[in-house]
C-alpha atoms as a PDB file:
ATOM      1  CA  MET A   1       0.000   0.000   0.000  1.00  0.00           C
ATOM      2  CA  GLN A   2       1.393   3.390  -0.952  1.00  0.00           C
ATOM      3  CA  SER A   3       2.129   6.064   1.587  1.00  0.00           C
ATOM      4  CA  PRO A   4      -0.796   8.448   2.214  1.00  0.00           C
ATOM      5  CA  ASP A   5       1.581  11.425   2.293  1.00  0.00           C
ATOM      6  CA  PHE A   6       3.364  11.040  -1.045  1.00  0.00           C
ATOM      7  CA  LEU A   7       3.440   8.874  -4.146  1.00  0.00           C
ATOM      8  CA  TYR A   8       6.434   7.874  -6.268  1.00  0.00           C
ATOM      9  CA  ASP A   9       6.204   7.695 -10.063  1.00  0.00           C
ATOM     10  CA  VAL A  10       8.726   5.023 -11.119  1.00  0.00           C
ATOM     11  CA  ALA A  11       6.981   3.721 -14.227  1.00  0.00           C
ATOM     12  CA  HIS A  12      10.158   3.906 -16.336  1.00  0.00           C
ATOM     13  CA  LYS A  13      13.562   2.515 -15.446  1.00  0.00           C
ATOM     14  CA  ASP A  14      15.333   5.479 -16.993  1.00  0.00           C
ATOM     15  CA  VAL A  15      13.773   7.943 -14.598  1.00  0.00           C
ATOM     16  CA  GLN A  16      16.646   9.696 -12.870  1.00  0.00           C
ATOM     17  CA  ALA A  17      14.699  10.593  -9.729  1.00  0.00           C
ATOM     18  CA  PRO A  18      11.200   9.836  -8.536  1.00  0.00           C
ATOM     19  CA  THR A  19       8.455  12.359  -9.142  1.00  0.00           C
ATOM     20  CA  ILE A  20       6.966  13.166  -5.779  1.00  0.00           C
ATOM     21  CA  ILE A  21       3.316  14.140  -5.709  1.00  0.00           C
ATOM     22  CA  LYS A  22       2.655  15.680  -2.330  1.00  0.00           C
ATOM     23  CA  ARG A  23      -0.774  15.387  -0.831  1.00  0.00           C
ATOM     24  CA  ARG A  24      -2.204  18.648   0.438  1.00  0.00           C
ATOM     25  CA  SER A  25      -2.887  18.823   4.160  1.00  0.00           C
ATOM     26  CA  TYR A  26      -5.831  20.605   5.683  1.00  0.00           C
ATOM     27  CA  ASP A  27      -7.125  22.061   8.929  1.00  0.00           C
ATOM     28  CA  GLY A  28     -10.250  20.881  10.712  1.00  0.00           C
ATOM     29  CA  LEU A  29     -12.364  22.891  13.152  1.00  0.00           C
ATOM     30  CA  SER A  30     -14.312  21.417  16.053  1.00  0.00           C
ATOM     31  CA  LEU A  31     -16.754  23.459  18.156  1.00  0.00           C
ATOM     32  CA  ASN A  32     -17.534  21.808  21.463  1.00  0.00           C
ATOM     33  CA  SER A  33     -20.744  21.254  23.352  1.00  0.00           C
ATOM     34  CA  ALA A  34     -21.471  23.988  25.904  1.00  0.00           C
ATOM     35  CA  PHE A  35     -24.764  25.110  27.410  1.00  0.00           C
ATOM     36  CA  PHE A  36     -25.655  28.383  25.643  1.00  0.00           C
ATOM     37  CA  GLY A  37     -22.201  28.277  24.099  1.00  0.00           C
ATOM     38  CA  PHE A  38     -23.445  29.718  20.822  1.00  0.00           C
ATOM     39  CA  TYR A  39     -22.421  33.213  21.955  1.00  0.00           C
ATOM     40  CA  ALA A  40     -18.758  32.311  22.444  1.00  0.00           C
ATOM     41  CA  HIS A  41     -18.683  30.040  19.375  1.00  0.00           C
ATOM     42  CA  ALA A  42     -20.123  32.819  17.211  1.00  0.00           C
ATOM     43  CA  GLY A  43     -17.491  35.198  18.567  1.00  0.00           C
ATOM     44  CA  PHE A  44     -14.724  32.671  17.926  1.00  0.00           C
ATOM     45  CA  CYS A  45     -15.826  32.242  14.314  1.00  0.00           C
ATOM     46  CA  SER A  46     -15.973  36.014  13.952  1.00  0.00           C
ATOM     47  CA  GLY A  47     -12.356  36.130  15.110  1.00  0.00           C
ATOM     48  CA  LEU A  48     -11.405  33.387  12.654  1.00  0.00           C
ATOM     49  CA  LYS A  49     -12.894  35.488   9.868  1.00  0.00           C
ATOM     50  CA  GLN A  50     -10.769  38.459  10.944  1.00  0.00           C
ATOM     51  CA  ILE A  51      -7.656  36.288  10.877  1.00  0.00           C
ATOM     52  CA  GLY A  52      -8.537  34.854   7.492  1.00  0.00           C
ATOM     53  CA  PHE A  53      -8.652  31.274   8.767  1.00  0.00           C
ATOM     54  CA  ARG A  54     -10.962  28.981   6.809  1.00  0.00           C
ATOM     55  CA  PRO A  55     -11.247  25.335   7.843  1.00  0.00           C
ATOM     56  CA  SER A  56     -11.597  22.561   5.300  1.00  0.00           C
ATOM     57  CA  VAL A  57     -13.977  20.561   7.477  1.00  0.00           C
ATOM     58  CA  ILE A  58     -16.071  21.387  10.549  1.00  0.00           C
ATOM     59  CA  ALA A  59     -17.633  19.254  13.267  1.00  0.00           C
ATOM     60  CA  GLY A  60     -19.771  20.388  16.166  1.00  0.00           C
ATOM     61  CA  SER A  61     -21.803  19.174  19.077  1.00  0.00           C
ATOM     62  CA  SER A  62     -24.879  20.884  20.561  1.00  0.00           C
ATOM     63  CA  SER A  63     -24.307  24.665  20.428  1.00  0.00           C
ATOM     64  CA  GLY A  64     -21.182  23.913  18.401  1.00  0.00           C
ATOM     65  CA  ALA A  65     -23.326  22.055  15.868  1.00  0.00           C
ATOM     66  CA  LEU A  66     -25.539  25.132  15.532  1.00  0.00           C
ATOM     67  CA  ILE A  67     -22.789  27.669  14.880  1.00  0.00           C
ATOM     68  CA  GLY A  68     -20.596  25.248  12.948  1.00  0.00           C
ATOM     69  CA  SER A  69     -23.443  24.393  10.579  1.00  0.00           C
ATOM     70  CA  LEU A  70     -24.177  28.035   9.829  1.00  0.00           C
ATOM     71  CA  ILE A  71     -20.505  28.654   9.046  1.00  0.00           C
ATOM     72  CA  ALA A  72     -20.297  25.482   6.942  1.00  0.00           C
ATOM     73  CA  ALA A  73     -23.401  26.534   5.012  1.00  0.00           C
ATOM     74  CA  GLY A  74     -21.627  29.719   3.972  1.00  0.00           C
ATOM     75  CA  ILE A  75     -23.485  32.145   6.247  1.00  0.00           C
ATOM     76  CA  ASP A  76     -21.225  35.123   6.933  1.00  0.00           C
ATOM     77  CA  ALA A  77     -19.866  35.293  10.479  1.00  0.00           C
ATOM     78  CA  ASP A  78     -21.129  38.878  10.794  1.00  0.00           C
ATOM     79  CA  ASP A  79     -24.679  37.796   9.953  1.00  0.00           C
ATOM     80  CA  ILE A  80     -24.457  34.989  12.500  1.00  0.00           C
ATOM     81  CA  ALA A  81     -23.240  37.481  15.104  1.00  0.00           C
ATOM     82  CA  SER A  82     -26.155  39.814  14.396  1.00  0.00           C
ATOM     83  CA  MET A  83     -28.653  36.990  14.814  1.00  0.00           C
ATOM     84  CA  ILE A  84     -27.099  35.590  17.991  1.00  0.00           C
ATOM     85  CA  LEU A  85     -26.561  38.943  19.720  1.00  0.00           C
ATOM     86  CA  ALA A  86     -30.161  39.995  19.039  1.00  0.00           C
ATOM     87  CA  LEU A  87     -31.526  36.774  20.537  1.00  0.00           C
ATOM     88  CA  LYS A  88     -34.149  37.098  23.277  1.00  0.00           C
ATOM     89  CA  LYS A  89     -35.626  34.391  25.463  1.00  0.00           C
ATOM     90  CA  SER A  90     -38.992  34.855  23.753  1.00  0.00           C
ATOM     91  CA  ASP A  91     -37.329  33.943  20.440  1.00  0.00           C
ATOM     92  CA  PHE A  92     -36.882  30.318  21.524  1.00  0.00           C
ATOM     93  CA  TRP A  93     -38.907  29.806  24.720  1.00  0.00           C
ATOM     94  CA  GLU A  94     -42.371  28.320  24.440  1.00  0.00           C
ATOM     95  CA  GLY A  95     -45.237  29.072  26.804  1.00  0.00           C
ATOM     96  CA  ASN A  96     -45.010  30.190  30.422  1.00  0.00           C
ATOM     97  CA  ARG A  97     -44.724  28.557  33.830  1.00  0.00           C
ATOM     98  CA  LEU A  98     -48.371  27.534  33.866  1.00  0.00           C
ATOM     99  CA  THR A  99     -48.364  26.012  30.391  1.00  0.00           C
ATOM    100  CA  GLN A 100     -45.087  24.244  31.160  1.00  0.00           C
ATOM    101  CA  LEU A 101     -46.620  22.728  34.289  1.00  0.00           C
ATOM    102  CA  LEU A 102     -49.667  21.591  32.329  1.00  0.00           C
ATOM    103  CA  LYS A 103     -47.694  20.212  29.389  1.00  0.00           C
ATOM    104  CA  PRO A 104     -46.968  16.789  30.978  1.00  0.00           C
ATOM    105  CA  LEU A 105     -50.690  16.414  31.624  1.00  0.00           C
ATOM    106  CA  ARG A 106     -51.603  17.361  28.052  1.00  0.00           C
ATOM    107  CA  HIS A 107     -49.041  15.040  26.490  1.00  0.00           C
ATOM    108  CA  GLY A 108     -49.289  12.310  29.090  1.00  0.00           C
ATOM    109  CA  LEU A 109     -46.456  11.441  31.440  1.00  0.00           C
ATOM    110  CA  ARG A 110     -45.381   8.481  29.309  1.00  0.00           C
ATOM    111  CA  ARG A 111     -44.935  10.652  26.212  1.00  0.00           C
ATOM    112  CA  TYR A 112     -43.609  13.819  27.855  1.00  0.00           C
ATOM    113  CA  SER A 113     -39.874  14.242  27.247  1.00  0.00           C
ATOM    114  CA  GLY A 114     -39.065  17.948  27.471  1.00  0.00           C
ATOM    115  CA  MET A 115     -40.179  21.511  28.012  1.00  0.00           C
ATOM    116  CA  LEU A 116     -39.520  22.855  24.510  1.00  0.00           C
ATOM    117  CA  SER A 117     -40.405  21.418  21.116  1.00  0.00           C
ATOM    118  CA  GLY A 118     -37.695  23.372  19.305  1.00  0.00           C
ATOM    119  CA  ALA A 119     -40.250  24.863  16.882  1.00  0.00           C
ATOM    120  CA  LYS A 120     -39.135  28.438  17.547  1.00  0.00           C
ATOM    121  CA  ILE A 121     -35.466  27.590  17.011  1.00  0.00           C
ATOM    122  CA  ARG A 122     -36.450  25.895  13.775  1.00  0.00           C
ATOM    123  CA  SER A 123     -38.159  29.132  12.693  1.00  0.00           C
ATOM    124  CA  LEU A 124     -34.998  31.100  13.538  1.00  0.00           C
ATOM    125  CA  LEU A 125     -32.863  28.822  11.370  1.00  0.00           C
ATOM    126  CA  GLU A 126     -35.233  28.468   8.407  1.00  0.00           C
ATOM    127  CA  PRO A 127     -34.176  31.729   6.685  1.00  0.00           C
ATOM    128  CA  TYR A 128     -30.543  30.597   6.788  1.00  0.00           C
ATOM    129  CA  ILE A 129     -30.515  26.856   6.127  1.00  0.00           C
ATOM    130  CA  GLY A 130     -34.145  25.837   5.683  1.00  0.00           C
ATOM    131  CA  GLY A 131     -34.523  22.820   3.400  1.00  0.00           C
ATOM    132  CA  LEU A 132     -30.783  22.186   3.181  1.00  0.00           C
ATOM    133  CA  ASP A 133     -29.086  18.849   3.669  1.00  0.00           C
ATOM    134  CA  LEU A 134     -25.773  18.787   5.526  1.00  0.00           C
ATOM    135  CA  SER A 135     -24.210  17.438   2.357  1.00  0.00           C
ATOM    136  CA  ASP A 136     -25.275  20.642   0.555  1.00  0.00           C
ATOM    137  CA  PHE A 137     -23.025  22.835   2.694  1.00  0.00           C
ATOM    138  CA  ARG A 138     -20.007  24.603   1.208  1.00  0.00           C
ATOM    139  CA  ILE A 139     -17.706  23.148   3.862  1.00  0.00           C
ATOM    140  CA  PRO A 140     -18.111  19.478   4.874  1.00  0.00           C
ATOM    141  CA  MET A 141     -19.951  19.433   8.212  1.00  0.00           C
ATOM    142  CA  GLY A 142     -20.352  16.742  10.841  1.00  0.00           C
ATOM    143  CA  VAL A 143     -23.039  16.991  13.530  1.00  0.00           C
ATOM    144  CA  ALA A 144     -22.564  14.869  16.655  1.00  0.00           C
ATOM    145  CA  VAL A 145     -25.709  13.233  18.024  1.00  0.00           C
ATOM    146  CA  SER A 146     -26.482  10.618  20.660  1.00  0.00           C
ATOM    147  CA  ASN A 147     -28.661   7.919  19.097  1.00  0.00           C
ATOM    148  CA  LEU A 148     -30.760   6.569  21.966  1.00  0.00           C
ATOM    149  CA  THR A 149     -32.420   3.878  19.885  1.00  0.00           C
ATOM    150  CA  ARG A 150     -29.148   2.309  18.761  1.00  0.00           C
ATOM    151  CA  GLY A 151     -27.182   3.236  21.867  1.00  0.00           C
ATOM    152  CA  ILE A 152     -24.365   4.849  19.906  1.00  0.00           C
ATOM    153  CA  ARG A 153     -22.762   8.193  19.186  1.00  0.00           C
ATOM    154  CA  GLU A 154     -22.988   9.266  15.569  1.00  0.00           C
ATOM    155  CA  LEU A 155     -21.409  11.996  13.475  1.00  0.00           C
ATOM    156  CA  ARG A 156     -23.983  12.757  10.824  1.00  0.00           C
ATOM    157  CA  LYS A 157     -22.653  14.258   7.596  1.00  0.00           C
ATOM    158  CA  SER A 158     -25.888  14.110   5.636  1.00  0.00           C
ATOM    159  CA  GLY A 159     -29.557  14.538   6.406  1.00  0.00           C
ATOM    160  CA  ASN A 160     -31.862  17.493   7.035  1.00  0.00           C
ATOM    161  CA  ALA A 161     -29.612  20.135   8.567  1.00  0.00           C
ATOM    162  CA  ILE A 162     -32.111  21.711  10.958  1.00  0.00           C
ATOM    163  CA  ASP A 163     -33.424  18.329  12.145  1.00  0.00           C
ATOM    164  CA  LEU A 164     -29.909  17.187  13.017  1.00  0.00           C
ATOM    165  CA  ILE A 165     -28.895  20.473  14.663  1.00  0.00           C
ATOM    166  CA  LEU A 166     -31.964  20.312  16.895  1.00  0.00           C
ATOM    167  CA  ALA A 167     -31.205  16.666  17.688  1.00  0.00           C
ATOM    168  CA  SER A 168     -27.648  17.599  18.675  1.00  0.00           C
ATOM    169  CA  MET A 169     -29.030  20.369  20.906  1.00  0.00           C
ATOM    170  CA  THR A 170     -31.597  18.204  22.693  1.00  0.00           C
ATOM    171  CA  PHE A 171     -30.459  18.897  26.234  1.00  0.00           C
ATOM    172  CA  PRO A 172     -32.236  16.389  28.519  1.00  0.00           C
ATOM    173  CA  ILE A 173     -35.566  17.632  29.941  1.00  0.00           C
ATOM    174  CA  LEU A 174     -35.169  21.052  28.293  1.00  0.00           C
ATOM    175  CA  PHE A 175     -36.083  19.815  24.780  1.00  0.00           C
ATOM    176  CA  GLU A 176     -38.448  17.112  23.620  1.00  0.00           C
ATOM    177  CA  ILE A 177     -36.672  14.013  22.331  1.00  0.00           C
ATOM    178  CA  PRO A 178     -36.792  14.136  18.510  1.00  0.00           C
ATOM    179  CA  VAL A 179     -37.386  11.143  16.277  1.00  0.00           C
ATOM    180  CA  ILE A 180     -35.554  10.974  12.939  1.00  0.00           C
ATOM    181  CA  ASP A 181     -36.153   8.000  10.640  1.00  0.00           C
ATOM    182  CA  GLY A 182     -37.555   6.049  13.577  1.00  0.00           C
ATOM    183  CA  ASP A 183     -34.608   6.689  15.916  1.00  0.00           C
ATOM    184  CA  GLU A 184     -34.702   8.831  19.071  1.00  0.00           C
ATOM    185  CA  PHE A 185     -31.894  11.306  19.673  1.00  0.00           C
ATOM    186  CA  LEU A 186     -30.350  13.282  22.507  1.00  0.00           C
ATOM    187  CA  ASP A 187     -27.775  16.062  22.838  1.00  0.00           C
ATOM    188  CA  GLY A 188     -24.512  15.176  21.112  1.00  0.00           C
ATOM    189  CA  GLY A 189     -22.581  16.535  24.078  1.00  0.00           C
ATOM    190  CA  VAL A 190     -23.867  13.768  26.338  1.00  0.00           C
ATOM    191  CA  VAL A 191     -21.274  11.379  24.920  1.00  0.00           C
ATOM    192  CA  ASP A 192     -19.042  13.486  22.657  1.00  0.00           C
ATOM    193  CA  SER A 193     -18.467  17.100  23.595  1.00  0.00           C
ATOM    194  CA  GLU A 194     -15.691  17.577  21.006  1.00  0.00           C
ATOM    195  CA  PRO A 195     -16.283  15.456  17.894  1.00  0.00           C
ATOM    196  CA  ILE A 196     -12.832  15.030  16.394  1.00  0.00           C
ATOM    197  CA  LYS A 197     -12.413  11.262  15.944  1.00  0.00           C
ATOM    198  CA  GLU A 198     -13.255  11.312  12.243  1.00  0.00           C
ATOM    199  CA  MET A 199     -10.828  14.186  11.648  1.00  0.00           C
ATOM    200  CA  ILE A 200      -8.062  12.284  13.414  1.00  0.00           C
ATOM    201  CA  LEU A 201      -8.668   9.283  11.153  1.00  0.00           C
ATOM    202  CA  ASP A 202      -8.829  11.420   7.993  1.00  0.00           C
ATOM    203  CA  PRO A 203      -5.341  11.303   6.390  1.00  0.00           C
ATOM    204  CA  SER A 204      -5.840  14.701   4.722  1.00  0.00           C
ATOM    205  CA  ILE A 205      -6.353  16.532   8.032  1.00  0.00           C
ATOM    206  CA  LYS A 206      -3.106  17.475   9.774  1.00  0.00           C
ATOM    207  CA  ARG A 207      -4.249  20.050  12.330  1.00  0.00           C
ATOM    208  CA  ILE A 208      -7.459  20.171  14.325  1.00  0.00           C
ATOM    209  CA  ILE A 209      -8.506  23.423  15.957  1.00  0.00           C
ATOM    210  CA  ILE A 210     -10.813  22.796  18.915  1.00  0.00           C
ATOM    211  CA  HIS A 211     -12.782  25.631  20.480  1.00  0.00           C
ATOM    212  CA  ASP A 212     -13.452  24.579  24.063  1.00  0.00           C
ATOM    213  CA  ILE A 213     -15.864  26.706  26.113  1.00  0.00           C
ATOM    214  CA  GLU A 214     -15.698  26.575  29.900  1.00  0.00           C
ATOM    215  CA  ASN A 215     -18.914  28.241  30.952  1.00  0.00           C
ATOM    216  CA  GLY A 216     -18.542  28.395  34.721  1.00  0.00           C
ATOM    217  CA  ARG A 217     -21.608  26.267  35.388  1.00  0.00           C
ATOM    218  CA  PRO A 218     -22.172  26.289  39.171  1.00  0.00           C
ATOM    219  CA  VAL A 219     -22.426  23.009  41.058  1.00  0.00           C
ATOM    220  CA  SER A 220     -26.115  22.268  41.533  1.00  0.00           C
ATOM    221  CA  ASP A 221     -27.612  21.825  44.987  1.00  0.00           C
ATOM    222  CA  LYS A 222     -29.840  19.092  43.526  1.00  0.00           C
ATOM    223  CA  ALA A 223     -28.412  15.589  43.753  1.00  0.00           C
ATOM    224  CA  LEU A 224     -29.868  14.357  40.449  1.00  0.00           C
ATOM    225  CA  LEU A 225     -28.448  17.292  38.503  1.00  0.00           C
ATOM    226  CA  ARG A 226     -25.060  16.871  40.180  1.00  0.00           C
ATOM    227  CA  ALA A 227     -25.097  13.211  39.208  1.00  0.00           C
ATOM    228  CA  PHE A 228     -25.996  13.956  35.579  1.00  0.00           C
ATOM    229  CA  ASN A 229     -23.484  16.787  35.178  1.00  0.00           C
ATOM    230  CA  GLY A 230     -20.772  14.820  36.947  1.00  0.00           C
ATOM    231  CA  SER A 231     -21.355  11.747  34.779  1.00  0.00           C
ATOM    232  CA  SER A 232     -21.145  13.813  31.602  1.00  0.00           C
ATOM    233  CA  GLN A 233     -17.908  15.415  32.781  1.00  0.00           C
ATOM    234  CA  ILE A 234     -16.342  12.031  33.523  1.00  0.00           C
ATOM    235  CA  ILE A 235     -17.237  10.834  30.014  1.00  0.00           C
ATOM    236  CA  GLN A 236     -15.741  14.009  28.527  1.00  0.00           C
ATOM    237  CA  ASN A 237     -12.501  13.629  30.473  1.00  0.00           C
ATOM    238  CA  GLU A 238     -12.062   9.970  29.568  1.00  0.00           C
ATOM    239  CA  THR A 239     -12.884  10.367  25.882  1.00  0.00           C
ATOM    240  CA  ARG A 240     -10.608  13.404  25.614  1.00  0.00           C
ATOM    241  CA  GLU A 241      -7.683  11.374  26.908  1.00  0.00           C
ATOM    242  CA  LEU A 242      -8.407   8.628  24.378  1.00  0.00           C
ATOM    243  CA  LYS A 243      -8.639  11.159  21.538  1.00  0.00           C
ATOM    244  CA  ASP A 244      -5.314  12.664  22.555  1.00  0.00           C
ATOM    245  CA  LEU A 245      -3.717   9.221  22.397  1.00  0.00           C
ATOM    246  CA  LEU A 246      -5.309   8.548  19.010  1.00  0.00           C
ATOM    247  CA  ALA A 247      -4.102  11.904  17.668  1.00  0.00           C
ATOM    248  CA  ARG A 248      -0.531  11.143  18.735  1.00  0.00           C
ATOM    249  CA  LYS A 249      -0.719   7.739  17.077  1.00  0.00           C
ATOM    250  CA  TYR A 250      -1.766   9.284  13.763  1.00  0.00           C
ATOM    251  CA  GLY A 251       0.557  12.269  13.996  1.00  0.00           C
ATOM    252  CA  LYS A 252      -2.168  14.886  14.233  1.00  0.00           C
ATOM    253  CA  GLN A 253      -1.722  18.258  15.895  1.00  0.00           C
ATOM    254  CA  LEU A 254      -4.534  19.230  18.260  1.00  0.00           C
ATOM    255  CA  ILE A 255      -4.823  22.916  19.118  1.00  0.00           C
ATOM    256  CA  ARG A 256      -7.332  23.411  21.929  1.00  0.00           C
ATOM    257  CA  ILE A 257      -8.327  27.014  22.440  1.00  0.00           C
ATOM    258  CA  VAL A 258     -10.235  27.601  25.661  1.00  0.00           C
ATOM    259  CA  THR A 259     -12.715  30.431  26.168  1.00  0.00           C
ATOM    260  CA  ARG A 260     -13.943  31.025  29.709  1.00  0.00           C
ATOM    261  CA  THR A 261     -17.321  32.700  30.097  1.00  0.00           C
ATOM    262  CA  SER A 262     -19.917  33.412  32.725  1.00  0.00           C
ATOM    263  CA  TYR A 263     -22.706  30.874  33.113  1.00  0.00           C
ATOM    264  CA  ILE A 264     -25.427  31.817  30.628  1.00  0.00           C
ATOM    265  CA  HIS A 265     -28.857  30.203  30.748  1.00  0.00           C
ATOM    266  CA  PRO A 266     -32.447  30.960  29.650  1.00  0.00           C
ATOM    267  CA  GLY A 267     -33.115  32.949  32.823  1.00  0.00           C
ATOM    268  CA  ASP A 268     -30.110  35.238  32.364  1.00  0.00           C
ATOM    269  CA  MET A 269     -28.613  35.936  28.944  1.00  0.00           C
ATOM    270  CA  SER A 270     -27.184  39.324  29.916  1.00  0.00           C
ATOM    271  CA  GLU A 271     -23.577  38.131  29.569  1.00  0.00           C
ATOM    272  CA  GLY A 272     -24.089  36.910  26.011  1.00  0.00           C
ATOM    273  CA  ARG A 273     -22.304  39.832  24.383  1.00  0.00           C
ATOM    274  CA  ALA A 274     -19.369  39.469  26.789  1.00  0.00           C
ATOM    275  CA  ALA A 275     -19.159  35.753  25.927  1.00  0.00           C
ATOM    276  CA  PHE A 276     -19.186  36.605  22.218  1.00  0.00           C
ATOM    277  CA  GLU A 277     -16.306  39.026  22.677  1.00  0.00           C
ATOM    278  CA  ALA A 278     -14.390  36.511  24.807  1.00  0.00           C
ATOM    279  CA  GLY A 279     -14.680  33.974  21.989  1.00  0.00           C
ATOM    280  CA  ARG A 280     -13.540  36.510  19.409  1.00  0.00           C
ATOM    281  CA  GLN A 281     -10.533  37.475  21.498  1.00  0.00           C
ATOM    282  CA  SER A 282      -9.630  33.799  21.953  1.00  0.00           C
ATOM    283  CA  ALA A 283      -9.293  33.442  18.196  1.00  0.00           C
ATOM    284  CA  LEU A 284      -7.364  36.686  17.759  1.00  0.00           C
ATOM    285  CA  ALA A 285      -4.979  35.790  20.592  1.00  0.00           C
ATOM    286  CA  HIS A 286      -3.980  32.644  18.680  1.00  0.00           C
ATOM    287  CA  THR A 287      -3.389  34.357  15.350  1.00  0.00           C
ATOM    288  CA  PRO A 288       0.277  33.217  15.172  1.00  0.00           C
ATOM    289  CA  TYR A 289      -0.844  29.579  15.361  1.00  0.00           C
ATOM    290  CA  LEU A 290      -3.924  29.813  13.184  1.00  0.00           C
ATOM    291  CA  ALA A 291      -2.272  31.907  10.481  1.00  0.00           C
ATOM    292  CA  LYS A 292       0.467  29.306   9.891  1.00  0.00           C
ATOM    293  CA  LYS A 293      -1.782  27.139   7.828  1.00  0.00           C
ATOM    294  CA  LYS A 294       0.181  25.056   5.355  1.00  0.00           C
ATOM    295  CA  ARG A 295      -1.594  23.693   2.342  1.00  0.00           C
END
């Protein structure tokens, strides 16, 4: 089997020296799963635009799937910023406290799976990527999802873009569990907060830029929430270590860029603009690394 990095043309014995055809190497971008991390991710991508960095492939989980998909579809980072920074709770929240309390009774406890249907988020995304398949995007895009029916993590590279983004963003209890082609899905960040495995295994990708948001989520005083959050963190830590080992095995360079933000949630989105700017500054601060992109 010939080397993936170069090929030798030795078809004729009189060739004085081999002709070396070098394979081009590319950069991948991964946007991690973070609760309300779309502010910082949008800012990071805005910074990447300023630098002139353009990835050859993108993967994202949860909020990273949202922003990554918009970038991959060719939506300008400035337009994404305008949409995200203008976001209000009423733009995505459905009903009020009373209707939320009554919802389990209307749907039935056996069928109730979350507070929000995602219909309003779908309406927000329709003008940008409505009707598009992931495979239609200008930049190859992978959306990480947790397939509950099959009990596996998947990186979807084709399928209805909005359906898969919403599936990747299905934070437990907050959103209703979606069904796509008969399978139930949950937030991609439950099992894979930074989807980079496929990039590591892709011989054309040499560097992987990972935007990692640390959102300062406080430790809950509720035991069940502590158990869920703690379990997810353990999975993240273990899988990250395995990915690092895999990257070293395949000679891939991982560049993790961390953005620290305040904890943003539906009840308080006031720090959204600050998170956006923090993400933008994270990208700009790493200009020397990101600008050295060899093709």
